[in-house]
Amino acid sequence: MVREYQSYYTYADVDQFKNYLAGSGYSSSWTNDKTELRRILRAVSSDMEVYCGYNTWGPILNAISFDIGSGSLTNDVRPLYPTTVNNFTPSASRIAELPFPYWLISVTTATSYEGTARTSSETWSSGLSNDYLLLPYDATPSTGLKQSTESEKSFKSGQQTFVIDGTWGWQNTSSAVITTTEEALDVGEVAIDVASSANLSEGMVIKVESEIMYIESISSNTITVNRGIHGSTDASHTTGQNITSYIYPTDVIQTCCELARVKYREKDLGLNRDLGSGEMSTTIPTREAKLIMKDLDRYSAYNKQNSVVF
């Protein structure tokens, strides 16, 4: 499944990767490689997301529609018709549970439509005494929604009959204020003057008010960005607005750096995976990236991939 919104998340920025490769004392000598490094980091970040079911470790704002089976017949491994075993006949009712295609951080609205025609709808409320609970009960992010036994509502049969508008991803964690804008921003303006770019780096995903942006390049105290990404709105902003960046789990940053290192070293070798020639040649291991990617198994195992349930 591919997301509606393209992910710009780059789980290690250029400065982090430079320091990982050579130490902070060598960072100033890498200026000519910044564009190439950012592209490599974003490419391996995309590979990491695919490995974990197109999930992201930063937030994406999106309304996702679900197809629901007949009535509340969802996500139940029991047979449709009761089977008598040892004089015991189980109920044929199903569990009113909806698995999510992606990790969910928070729900903005949950809406149930009457049918595929979507002529009428009702809003569901969260809580044990209301309409639904998020699964699992004791952890975040959420992987599914379960109807409360106290709810008087029900899933409706049809296509796109349940819509969750929310914030999807592993976590929604921002840094302290890094810097501020030095100018008023118009809609669509991509070159932004900031008070200081000292703590900014290419590949960072930043936030100005409620708008999410991606830093492509930096020149002095002017950053060039991609505006209104991840479901946010490209909007105007007054001068002096705070700029923060998104924070990812430490092991995700490390995995991104390790995968990018493989890509970065291989670019100098071209298509030749052998060092030397003849009896003195050595074949470069081609499975290194796959082994590094397995460091994300705890995240991929957390994921559920069902979004159309009949």
C-alpha atoms as a PDB file:
ATOM      1  CA  MET A   1       0.000   0.000   0.000  1.00  0.00           C
ATOM      2  CA  VAL A   2       1.330   3.432  -0.959  1.00  0.00           C
ATOM      3  CA  ARG A   3       0.486   6.574   0.949  1.00  0.00           C
ATOM      4  CA  GLU A   4      -1.531   9.417  -0.518  1.00  0.00           C
ATOM      5  CA  TYR A   5       1.162  11.879   0.577  1.00  0.00           C
ATOM      6  CA  GLN A   6       4.779  11.425  -0.451  1.00  0.00           C
ATOM      7  CA  SER A   7       7.139  11.041   2.496  1.00  0.00           C
ATOM      8  CA  TYR A   8      10.034  13.479   2.738  1.00  0.00           C
ATOM      9  CA  TYR A   9      11.264  12.069   6.028  1.00  0.00           C
ATOM     10  CA  THR A  10      15.027  11.659   6.032  1.00  0.00           C
ATOM     11  CA  TYR A  11      15.947   9.885   9.243  1.00  0.00           C
ATOM     12  CA  ALA A  12      19.478  11.254   9.457  1.00  0.00           C
ATOM     13  CA  ASP A  13      20.294  14.731   8.190  1.00  0.00           C
ATOM     14  CA  VAL A  14      23.454  15.566   6.255  1.00  0.00           C
ATOM     15  CA  ASP A  15      25.382  16.852   9.280  1.00  0.00           C
ATOM     16  CA  GLN A  16      24.532  13.743  11.307  1.00  0.00           C
ATOM     17  CA  PHE A  17      25.729  11.509   8.483  1.00  0.00           C
ATOM     18  CA  LYS A  18      28.953  13.462   7.977  1.00  0.00           C
ATOM     19  CA  ASN A  19      29.744  13.158  11.656  1.00  0.00           C
ATOM     20  CA  TYR A  20      28.897   9.454  11.588  1.00  0.00           C
ATOM     21  CA  LEU A  21      31.344   8.854   8.723  1.00  0.00           C
ATOM     22  CA  ALA A  22      34.266  11.014   9.709  1.00  0.00           C
ATOM     23  CA  GLY A  23      33.713  12.751  13.032  1.00  0.00           C
ATOM     24  CA  SER A  24      32.620  16.320  13.624  1.00  0.00           C
ATOM     25  CA  GLY A  25      36.139  17.645  13.086  1.00  0.00           C
ATOM     26  CA  TYR A  26      35.910  16.856   9.378  1.00  0.00           C
ATOM     27  CA  SER A  27      32.418  18.204   8.651  1.00  0.00           C
ATOM     28  CA  SER A  28      33.550  21.493   7.082  1.00  0.00           C
ATOM     29  CA  SER A  29      35.306  19.701   4.210  1.00  0.00           C
ATOM     30  CA  TRP A  30      32.188  17.981   2.872  1.00  0.00           C
ATOM     31  CA  THR A  31      30.445  20.961   1.264  1.00  0.00           C
ATOM     32  CA  ASN A  32      30.621  19.630  -2.308  1.00  0.00           C
ATOM     33  CA  ASP A  33      28.848  16.392  -1.365  1.00  0.00           C
ATOM     34  CA  LYS A  34      25.825  17.838   0.463  1.00  0.00           C
ATOM     35  CA  THR A  35      23.315  17.364  -2.359  1.00  0.00           C
ATOM     36  CA  GLU A  36      24.490  13.822  -3.037  1.00  0.00           C
ATOM     37  CA  LEU A  37      24.483  12.929   0.650  1.00  0.00           C
ATOM     38  CA  ARG A  38      20.946  14.256   1.105  1.00  0.00           C
ATOM     39  CA  ARG A  39      19.703  12.210  -1.857  1.00  0.00           C
ATOM     40  CA  ILE A  40      21.311   9.045  -0.509  1.00  0.00           C
ATOM     41  CA  LEU A  41      19.883   9.613   2.960  1.00  0.00           C
ATOM     42  CA  ARG A  42      16.400  10.201   1.613  1.00  0.00           C
ATOM     43  CA  ALA A  43      16.617   7.141  -0.644  1.00  0.00           C
ATOM     44  CA  VAL A  44      17.573   4.790   2.203  1.00  0.00           C
ATOM     45  CA  SER A  45      14.919   6.419   4.414  1.00  0.00           C
ATOM     46  CA  SER A  46      12.347   5.489   1.786  1.00  0.00           C
ATOM     47  CA  ASP A  47      13.693   1.914   1.773  1.00  0.00           C
ATOM     48  CA  MET A  48      13.283   1.810   5.561  1.00  0.00           C
ATOM     49  CA  GLU A  49       9.648   2.914   5.275  1.00  0.00           C
ATOM     50  CA  VAL A  50       8.898   0.268   2.641  1.00  0.00           C
ATOM     51  CA  TYR A  51      10.481  -2.401   4.877  1.00  0.00           C
ATOM     52  CA  CYS A  52       8.056  -1.392   7.633  1.00  0.00           C
ATOM     53  CA  GLY A  53       4.936  -1.340   5.474  1.00  0.00           C
ATOM     54  CA  TYR A  54       5.237   2.255   4.180  1.00  0.00           C
ATOM     55  CA  ASN A  55       5.126   3.543   7.727  1.00  0.00           C
ATOM     56  CA  THR A  56       6.958   6.688   8.841  1.00  0.00           C
ATOM     57  CA  TRP A  57       8.673   7.572  12.104  1.00  0.00           C
ATOM     58  CA  GLY A  58       7.414  11.152  11.860  1.00  0.00           C
ATOM     59  CA  PRO A  59       3.808  12.383  11.529  1.00  0.00           C
ATOM     60  CA  ILE A  60       1.716  12.486   8.361  1.00  0.00           C
ATOM     61  CA  LEU A  61      -1.700  14.171   8.445  1.00  0.00           C
ATOM     62  CA  ASN A  62      -4.212  12.198   6.421  1.00  0.00           C
ATOM     63  CA  ALA A  63      -7.814  10.987   6.236  1.00  0.00           C
ATOM     64  CA  ILE A  64      -7.868   7.258   5.408  1.00  0.00           C
ATOM     65  CA  SER A  65     -11.001   5.473   4.196  1.00  0.00           C
ATOM     66  CA  PHE A  66     -11.846   1.844   4.984  1.00  0.00           C
ATOM     67  CA  ASP A  67     -14.053  -0.742   3.300  1.00  0.00           C
ATOM     68  CA  ILE A  68     -16.170  -2.643   5.810  1.00  0.00           C
ATOM     69  CA  GLY A  69     -17.691  -6.115   5.410  1.00  0.00           C
ATOM     70  CA  SER A  70     -21.299  -7.030   6.091  1.00  0.00           C
ATOM     71  CA  GLY A  71     -22.406  -5.276   9.252  1.00  0.00           C
ATOM     72  CA  SER A  72     -19.729  -5.623  11.903  1.00  0.00           C
ATOM     73  CA  LEU A  73     -18.188  -8.733  10.346  1.00  0.00           C
ATOM     74  CA  THR A  74     -14.568  -7.733  10.652  1.00  0.00           C
ATOM     75  CA  ASN A  75     -11.315  -9.334  11.667  1.00  0.00           C
ATOM     76  CA  ASP A  76     -12.542 -12.582  13.216  1.00  0.00           C
ATOM     77  CA  VAL A  77     -10.847 -15.911  12.518  1.00  0.00           C
ATOM     78  CA  ARG A  78     -13.920 -17.906  13.582  1.00  0.00           C
ATOM     79  CA  PRO A  79     -16.038 -19.522  10.837  1.00  0.00           C
ATOM     80  CA  LEU A  80     -19.082 -17.597   9.670  1.00  0.00           C
ATOM     81  CA  TYR A  81     -21.431 -20.474  10.584  1.00  0.00           C
ATOM     82  CA  PRO A  82     -21.378 -21.996  14.075  1.00  0.00           C
ATOM     83  CA  THR A  83     -19.765 -25.399  14.453  1.00  0.00           C
ATOM     84  CA  THR A  84     -20.751 -27.647  17.357  1.00  0.00           C
ATOM     85  CA  VAL A  85     -17.711 -29.055  19.164  1.00  0.00           C
ATOM     86  CA  ASN A  86     -18.197 -31.285  22.230  1.00  0.00           C
ATOM     87  CA  ASN A  87     -21.804 -30.099  22.535  1.00  0.00           C
ATOM     88  CA  PHE A  88     -20.654 -26.461  22.552  1.00  0.00           C
ATOM     89  CA  THR A  89     -21.838 -24.127  19.794  1.00  0.00           C
ATOM     90  CA  PRO A  90     -19.889 -20.836  19.543  1.00  0.00           C
ATOM     91  CA  SER A  91     -21.657 -17.654  18.574  1.00  0.00           C
ATOM     92  CA  ALA A  92     -21.459 -16.580  14.950  1.00  0.00           C
ATOM     93  CA  SER A  93     -21.108 -12.906  15.882  1.00  0.00           C
ATOM     94  CA  ARG A  94     -17.897 -11.208  14.833  1.00  0.00           C
ATOM     95  CA  ILE A  95     -15.478  -8.884  16.573  1.00  0.00           C
ATOM     96  CA  ALA A  96     -16.126  -5.255  15.691  1.00  0.00           C
ATOM     97  CA  GLU A  97     -12.478  -4.404  15.161  1.00  0.00           C
ATOM     98  CA  LEU A  98     -10.757  -2.410  12.408  1.00  0.00           C
ATOM     99  CA  PRO A  99      -7.012  -2.916  11.792  1.00  0.00           C
ATOM    100  CA  PHE A 100      -5.078   0.089  10.461  1.00  0.00           C
ATOM    101  CA  PRO A 101      -2.761   0.043   7.436  1.00  0.00           C
ATOM    102  CA  TYR A 102      -0.283   2.365   9.186  1.00  0.00           C
ATOM    103  CA  TRP A 103       0.770   3.314  12.684  1.00  0.00           C
ATOM    104  CA  LEU A 104      -1.619   5.889  14.145  1.00  0.00           C
ATOM    105  CA  ILE A 105      -0.452   8.593  16.538  1.00  0.00           C
ATOM    106  CA  SER A 106      -3.793  10.285  17.198  1.00  0.00           C
ATOM    107  CA  VAL A 107      -7.344  10.563  15.852  1.00  0.00           C
ATOM    108  CA  THR A 108      -8.798  13.905  14.799  1.00  0.00           C
ATOM    109  CA  THR A 109     -12.195  12.523  13.746  1.00  0.00           C
ATOM    110  CA  ALA A 110     -13.649   9.039  13.191  1.00  0.00           C
ATOM    111  CA  THR A 111     -16.681   9.020  10.885  1.00  0.00           C
ATOM    112  CA  SER A 112     -19.015   6.176   9.951  1.00  0.00           C
ATOM    113  CA  TYR A 113     -21.059   6.514   6.734  1.00  0.00           C
ATOM    114  CA  GLU A 114     -24.434   4.852   6.208  1.00  0.00           C
ATOM    115  CA  GLY A 115     -23.323   3.032   3.054  1.00  0.00           C
ATOM    116  CA  THR A 116     -21.255   3.256  -0.097  1.00  0.00           C
ATOM    117  CA  ALA A 117     -23.455   6.152  -1.274  1.00  0.00           C
ATOM    118  CA  ARG A 118     -22.288   8.051   1.851  1.00  0.00           C
ATOM    119  CA  THR A 119     -25.545  10.015   2.057  1.00  0.00           C
ATOM    120  CA  SER A 120     -25.447  10.261   5.846  1.00  0.00           C
ATOM    121  CA  SER A 121     -22.826   9.850   8.555  1.00  0.00           C
ATOM    122  CA  GLU A 122     -22.210   9.822  12.288  1.00  0.00           C
ATOM    123  CA  THR A 123     -19.151  10.759  14.303  1.00  0.00           C
ATOM    124  CA  TRP A 124     -17.675   8.221  16.699  1.00  0.00           C
ATOM    125  CA  SER A 125     -16.235   9.271  20.063  1.00  0.00           C
ATOM    126  CA  SER A 126     -13.274   7.697  21.834  1.00  0.00           C
ATOM    127  CA  GLY A 127     -13.586   6.082  25.245  1.00  0.00           C
ATOM    128  CA  LEU A 128     -14.762   2.927  26.999  1.00  0.00           C
ATOM    129  CA  SER A 129     -18.187   4.433  27.686  1.00  0.00           C
ATOM    130  CA  ASN A 130     -18.389   5.933  24.180  1.00  0.00           C
ATOM    131  CA  ASP A 131     -17.897   4.328  20.757  1.00  0.00           C
ATOM    132  CA  TYR A 132     -14.365   3.020  20.298  1.00  0.00           C
ATOM    133  CA  LEU A 133     -11.018   2.188  21.860  1.00  0.00           C
ATOM    134  CA  LEU A 134      -7.635   2.274  20.140  1.00  0.00           C
ATOM    135  CA  LEU A 135      -5.488  -0.875  20.063  1.00  0.00           C
ATOM    136  CA  PRO A 136      -3.302  -1.805  21.784  1.00  0.00           C
ATOM    137  CA  TYR A 137      -4.686  -0.397  25.018  1.00  0.00           C
ATOM    138  CA  ASP A 138      -1.305   0.062  26.699  1.00  0.00           C
ATOM    139  CA  ALA A 139       1.021   1.282  23.948  1.00  0.00           C
ATOM    140  CA  THR A 140       1.430   3.794  21.159  1.00  0.00           C
ATOM    141  CA  PRO A 141       1.263   4.111  18.244  1.00  0.00           C
ATOM    142  CA  SER A 142      -2.108   2.468  17.623  1.00  0.00           C
ATOM    143  CA  THR A 143      -2.580  -0.381  15.168  1.00  0.00           C
ATOM    144  CA  GLY A 144      -6.354  -0.657  15.163  1.00  0.00           C
ATOM    145  CA  LEU A 145      -9.729   0.448  16.439  1.00  0.00           C
ATOM    146  CA  LYS A 146     -12.209  -1.655  18.393  1.00  0.00           C
ATOM    147  CA  GLN A 147     -15.838  -0.767  18.969  1.00  0.00           C
ATOM    148  CA  SER A 148     -16.776  -0.334  22.616  1.00  0.00           C
ATOM    149  CA  THR A 149     -19.413  -2.670  23.975  1.00  0.00           C
ATOM    150  CA  GLU A 150     -21.176   0.438  25.308  1.00  0.00           C
ATOM    151  CA  SER A 151     -21.559   1.958  21.837  1.00  0.00           C
ATOM    152  CA  GLU A 152     -24.983   2.132  20.232  1.00  0.00           C
ATOM    153  CA  LYS A 153     -23.443   2.690  16.797  1.00  0.00           C
ATOM    154  CA  SER A 154     -22.187   0.121  14.305  1.00  0.00           C
ATOM    155  CA  PHE A 155     -19.930  -0.300  11.302  1.00  0.00           C
ATOM    156  CA  LYS A 156     -21.864   0.127   8.054  1.00  0.00           C
ATOM    157  CA  SER A 157     -21.429  -2.184   5.096  1.00  0.00           C
ATOM    158  CA  GLY A 158     -19.869  -0.858   1.899  1.00  0.00           C
ATOM    159  CA  GLN A 159     -16.873   0.877   0.384  1.00  0.00           C
ATOM    160  CA  GLN A 160     -15.233   3.830   2.147  1.00  0.00           C
ATOM    161  CA  THR A 161     -17.835   3.651   4.901  1.00  0.00           C
ATOM    162  CA  PHE A 162     -15.441   4.426   7.745  1.00  0.00           C
ATOM    163  CA  VAL A 163     -12.966   7.318   7.642  1.00  0.00           C
ATOM    164  CA  ILE A 164     -10.286   8.152  10.163  1.00  0.00           C
ATOM    165  CA  ASP A 165      -8.798  11.620   9.878  1.00  0.00           C
ATOM    166  CA  GLY A 166      -5.720  11.712  12.036  1.00  0.00           C
ATOM    167  CA  THR A 167      -1.975  11.906  12.521  1.00  0.00           C
ATOM    168  CA  TRP A 168      -0.263   8.750  11.255  1.00  0.00           C
ATOM    169  CA  GLY A 169       3.258   7.599  12.086  1.00  0.00           C
ATOM    170  CA  TRP A 170       5.386   6.293  14.940  1.00  0.00           C
ATOM    171  CA  GLN A 171       5.739   9.496  16.949  1.00  0.00           C
ATOM    172  CA  ASN A 172       5.096  13.228  16.760  1.00  0.00           C
ATOM    173  CA  THR A 173       8.100  14.621  18.622  1.00  0.00           C
ATOM    174  CA  SER A 174       9.701  17.975  17.917  1.00  0.00           C
ATOM    175  CA  SER A 175      12.930  19.567  19.071  1.00  0.00           C
ATOM    176  CA  ALA A 176      13.252  22.745  21.080  1.00  0.00           C
ATOM    177  CA  VAL A 177      13.179  25.939  19.011  1.00  0.00           C
ATOM    178  CA  ILE A 178      16.187  25.875  16.653  1.00  0.00           C
ATOM    179  CA  THR A 179      15.856  29.327  15.152  1.00  0.00           C
ATOM    180  CA  THR A 180      13.221  31.792  13.907  1.00  0.00           C
ATOM    181  CA  THR A 181      12.120  33.200  10.578  1.00  0.00           C
ATOM    182  CA  GLU A 182      13.648  36.542   9.642  1.00  0.00           C
ATOM    183  CA  GLU A 183      10.934  37.505   7.156  1.00  0.00           C
ATOM    184  CA  ALA A 184       7.223  37.169   6.518  1.00  0.00           C
ATOM    185  CA  LEU A 185       6.541  34.143   4.311  1.00  0.00           C
ATOM    186  CA  ASP A 186       4.159  34.179   1.372  1.00  0.00           C
ATOM    187  CA  VAL A 187       2.377  31.056   0.161  1.00  0.00           C
ATOM    188  CA  GLY A 188       4.709  29.170  -2.173  1.00  0.00           C
ATOM    189  CA  GLU A 189       7.868  31.023  -1.130  1.00  0.00           C
ATOM    190  CA  VAL A 190      10.677  28.454  -0.929  1.00  0.00           C
ATOM    191  CA  ALA A 191      13.755  30.550  -0.026  1.00  0.00           C
ATOM    192  CA  ILE A 192      13.401  31.462   3.653  1.00  0.00           C
ATOM    193  CA  ASP A 193      15.655  33.799   5.613  1.00  0.00           C
ATOM    194  CA  VAL A 194      16.277  32.580   9.169  1.00  0.00           C
ATOM    195  CA  ALA A 195      17.962  34.181  12.167  1.00  0.00           C
ATOM    196  CA  SER A 196      20.662  31.473  12.132  1.00  0.00           C
ATOM    197  CA  SER A 197      21.198  28.273  10.165  1.00  0.00           C
ATOM    198  CA  ALA A 198      23.852  26.964  12.571  1.00  0.00           C
ATOM    199  CA  ASN A 199      21.619  24.176  13.907  1.00  0.00           C
ATOM    200  CA  LEU A 200      19.873  23.396  10.623  1.00  0.00           C
ATOM    201  CA  SER A 201      20.983  20.823   8.063  1.00  0.00           C
ATOM    202  CA  GLU A 202      19.994  19.561   4.628  1.00  0.00           C
ATOM    203  CA  GLY A 203      17.489  16.715   4.907  1.00  0.00           C
ATOM    204  CA  MET A 204      15.803  18.050   8.040  1.00  0.00           C
ATOM    205  CA  VAL A 205      12.021  18.095   8.247  1.00  0.00           C
ATOM    206  CA  ILE A 206      11.041  21.258  10.108  1.00  0.00           C
ATOM    207  CA  LYS A 207       7.857  22.894  11.330  1.00  0.00           C
ATOM    208  CA  VAL A 208       6.776  26.553  11.194  1.00  0.00           C
ATOM    209  CA  GLU A 209       3.501  26.994  13.077  1.00  0.00           C
ATOM    210  CA  SER A 210       1.413  24.077  11.713  1.00  0.00           C
ATOM    211  CA  GLU A 211       3.188  23.820   8.349  1.00  0.00           C
ATOM    212  CA  ILE A 212       5.723  21.040   7.734  1.00  0.00           C
ATOM    213  CA  MET A 213       8.689  21.713   5.428  1.00  0.00           C
ATOM    214  CA  TYR A 214      11.706  19.813   4.069  1.00  0.00           C
ATOM    215  CA  ILE A 215      15.128  21.481   3.833  1.00  0.00           C
ATOM    216  CA  GLU A 216      16.788  20.845   0.470  1.00  0.00           C
ATOM    217  CA  SER A 217      19.731  23.270   0.696  1.00  0.00           C
ATOM    218  CA  ILE A 218      21.257  25.962   2.887  1.00  0.00           C
ATOM    219  CA  SER A 219      23.190  29.058   1.826  1.00  0.00           C
ATOM    220  CA  SER A 220      24.365  31.270   4.679  1.00  0.00           C
ATOM    221  CA  ASN A 221      21.172  32.073   6.619  1.00  0.00           C
ATOM    222  CA  THR A 222      18.798  31.253   3.763  1.00  0.00           C
ATOM    223  CA  ILE A 223      17.232  27.812   3.561  1.00  0.00           C
ATOM    224  CA  THR A 224      15.517  26.388   0.472  1.00  0.00           C
ATOM    225  CA  VAL A 225      12.577  24.181   1.400  1.00  0.00           C
ATOM    226  CA  ASN A 226       9.735  22.103   0.037  1.00  0.00           C
ATOM    227  CA  ARG A 227       6.545  23.622   1.471  1.00  0.00           C
ATOM    228  CA  GLY A 228       3.339  22.126   2.865  1.00  0.00           C
ATOM    229  CA  ILE A 229       4.427  18.490   2.972  1.00  0.00           C
ATOM    230  CA  HIS A 230       2.952  15.459   4.807  1.00  0.00           C
ATOM    231  CA  GLY A 231      -0.630  16.710   4.632  1.00  0.00           C
ATOM    232  CA  SER A 232       0.101  20.156   6.071  1.00  0.00           C
ATOM    233  CA  THR A 233      -0.924  23.388   4.345  1.00  0.00           C
ATOM    234  CA  ASP A 234       1.397  25.760   2.507  1.00  0.00           C
ATOM    235  CA  ALA A 235       0.414  28.962   4.332  1.00  0.00           C
ATOM    236  CA  SER A 236       1.608  32.506   4.954  1.00  0.00           C
ATOM    237  CA  HIS A 237       3.586  33.222   8.133  1.00  0.00           C
ATOM    238  CA  THR A 238       4.603  36.411   9.896  1.00  0.00           C
ATOM    239  CA  THR A 239       8.232  37.174  10.712  1.00  0.00           C
ATOM    240  CA  GLY A 240       9.778  35.846  13.912  1.00  0.00           C
ATOM    241  CA  GLN A 241       8.010  32.453  13.876  1.00  0.00           C
ATOM    242  CA  ASN A 242       9.696  29.594  15.751  1.00  0.00           C
ATOM    243  CA  ILE A 243      11.305  26.793  13.743  1.00  0.00           C
ATOM    244  CA  THR A 244      11.560  23.289  15.203  1.00  0.00           C
ATOM    245  CA  SER A 245      12.649  19.979  13.698  1.00  0.00           C
ATOM    246  CA  TYR A 246      11.208  16.486  14.044  1.00  0.00           C
ATOM    247  CA  ILE A 247      12.955  13.910  16.234  1.00  0.00           C
ATOM    248  CA  TYR A 248      13.147  10.167  15.439  1.00  0.00           C
ATOM    249  CA  PRO A 249      14.083   7.123  17.549  1.00  0.00           C
ATOM    250  CA  THR A 250      17.835   6.740  18.059  1.00  0.00           C
ATOM    251  CA  ASP A 251      17.979   3.272  16.479  1.00  0.00           C
ATOM    252  CA  VAL A 252      16.165   4.576  13.393  1.00  0.00           C
ATOM    253  CA  ILE A 253      18.751   7.348  12.974  1.00  0.00           C
ATOM    254  CA  GLN A 254      21.560   4.805  13.388  1.00  0.00           C
ATOM    255  CA  THR A 255      20.055   2.434  10.830  1.00  0.00           C
ATOM    256  CA  CYS A 256      19.677   5.283   8.336  1.00  0.00           C
ATOM    257  CA  CYS A 257      23.355   6.236   8.757  1.00  0.00           C
ATOM    258  CA  GLU A 258      24.511   2.633   8.369  1.00  0.00           C
ATOM    259  CA  LEU A 259      22.457   2.065   5.216  1.00  0.00           C
ATOM    260  CA  ALA A 260      23.602   5.383   3.751  1.00  0.00           C
ATOM    261  CA  ARG A 261      27.228   4.421   4.444  1.00  0.00           C
ATOM    262  CA  VAL A 262      26.802   1.319   2.242  1.00  0.00           C
ATOM    263  CA  LYS A 263      25.298   3.420  -0.554  1.00  0.00           C
ATOM    264  CA  TYR A 264      27.896   6.163  -0.198  1.00  0.00           C
ATOM    265  CA  ARG A 265      30.886   3.819  -0.330  1.00  0.00           C
ATOM    266  CA  GLU A 266      29.453   1.867  -3.246  1.00  0.00           C
ATOM    267  CA  LYS A 267      28.952   4.956  -5.409  1.00  0.00           C
ATOM    268  CA  ASP A 268      32.715   5.180  -5.907  1.00  0.00           C
ATOM    269  CA  LEU A 269      32.817   1.552  -7.098  1.00  0.00           C
ATOM    270  CA  GLY A 270      30.157   1.960  -9.782  1.00  0.00           C
ATOM    271  CA  LEU A 271      28.793  -1.398 -10.929  1.00  0.00           C
ATOM    272  CA  ASN A 272      31.964  -3.266  -9.984  1.00  0.00           C
ATOM    273  CA  ARG A 273      31.506  -5.180  -6.745  1.00  0.00           C
ATOM    274  CA  ASP A 274      35.025  -6.668  -6.845  1.00  0.00           C
ATOM    275  CA  LEU A 275      38.121  -5.018  -5.420  1.00  0.00           C
ATOM    276  CA  GLY A 276      41.381  -5.894  -7.192  1.00  0.00           C
ATOM    277  CA  SER A 277      41.711  -8.436  -9.988  1.00  0.00           C
ATOM    278  CA  GLY A 278      42.509 -12.080 -10.557  1.00  0.00           C
ATOM    279  CA  GLU A 279      43.470 -14.154  -7.543  1.00  0.00           C
ATOM    280  CA  MET A 280      43.887 -11.011  -5.444  1.00  0.00           C
ATOM    281  CA  SER A 281      40.321  -9.792  -5.952  1.00  0.00           C
ATOM    282  CA  THR A 282      37.812  -9.572  -3.106  1.00  0.00           C
ATOM    283  CA  THR A 283      34.053  -9.583  -3.594  1.00  0.00           C
ATOM    284  CA  ILE A 284      32.149  -6.950  -1.637  1.00  0.00           C
ATOM    285  CA  PRO A 285      29.354  -8.459   0.501  1.00  0.00           C
ATOM    286  CA  THR A 286      26.032  -7.676  -1.180  1.00  0.00           C
ATOM    287  CA  ARG A 287      23.841  -8.653   1.771  1.00  0.00           C
ATOM    288  CA  GLU A 288      25.154  -6.001   4.132  1.00  0.00           C
ATOM    289  CA  ALA A 289      22.233  -3.616   3.572  1.00  0.00           C
ATOM    290  CA  LYS A 290      19.702  -6.412   4.135  1.00  0.00           C
ATOM    291  CA  LEU A 291      21.349  -7.360   7.415  1.00  0.00           C
ATOM    292  CA  ILE A 292      21.375  -3.724   8.562  1.00  0.00           C
ATOM    293  CA  MET A 293      17.695  -3.382   7.665  1.00  0.00           C
ATOM    294  CA  LYS A 294      16.847  -6.228  10.046  1.00  0.00           C
ATOM    295  CA  ASP A 295      17.592  -3.809  12.893  1.00  0.00           C
ATOM    296  CA  LEU A 296      14.114  -2.450  12.119  1.00  0.00           C
ATOM    297  CA  ASP A 297      12.382  -5.790  12.683  1.00  0.00           C
ATOM    298  CA  ARG A 298      10.878  -4.652  15.985  1.00  0.00           C
ATOM    299  CA  TYR A 299       9.081  -1.909  14.075  1.00  0.00           C
ATOM    300  CA  SER A 300       7.958  -4.082  11.142  1.00  0.00           C
ATOM    301  CA  ALA A 301       6.618  -6.673  13.594  1.00  0.00           C
ATOM    302  CA  TYR A 302       4.525  -3.956  15.227  1.00  0.00           C
ATOM    303  CA  ASN A 303       2.726  -3.283  11.972  1.00  0.00           C
ATOM    304  CA  LYS A 304      -0.632  -4.530  10.644  1.00  0.00           C
ATOM    305  CA  GLN A 305      -1.272  -4.463   6.904  1.00  0.00           C
ATOM    306  CA  ASN A 306      -5.042  -4.965   6.591  1.00  0.00           C
ATOM    307  CA  SER A 307      -7.152  -2.039   5.466  1.00  0.00           C
ATOM    308  CA  VAL A 308      -9.885  -3.642   3.340  1.00  0.00           C
ATOM    309  CA  VAL A 309     -11.873  -6.153   5.398  1.00  0.00           C
ATOM    310  CA  PHE A 310     -14.679  -8.282   3.989  1.00  0.00           C
END
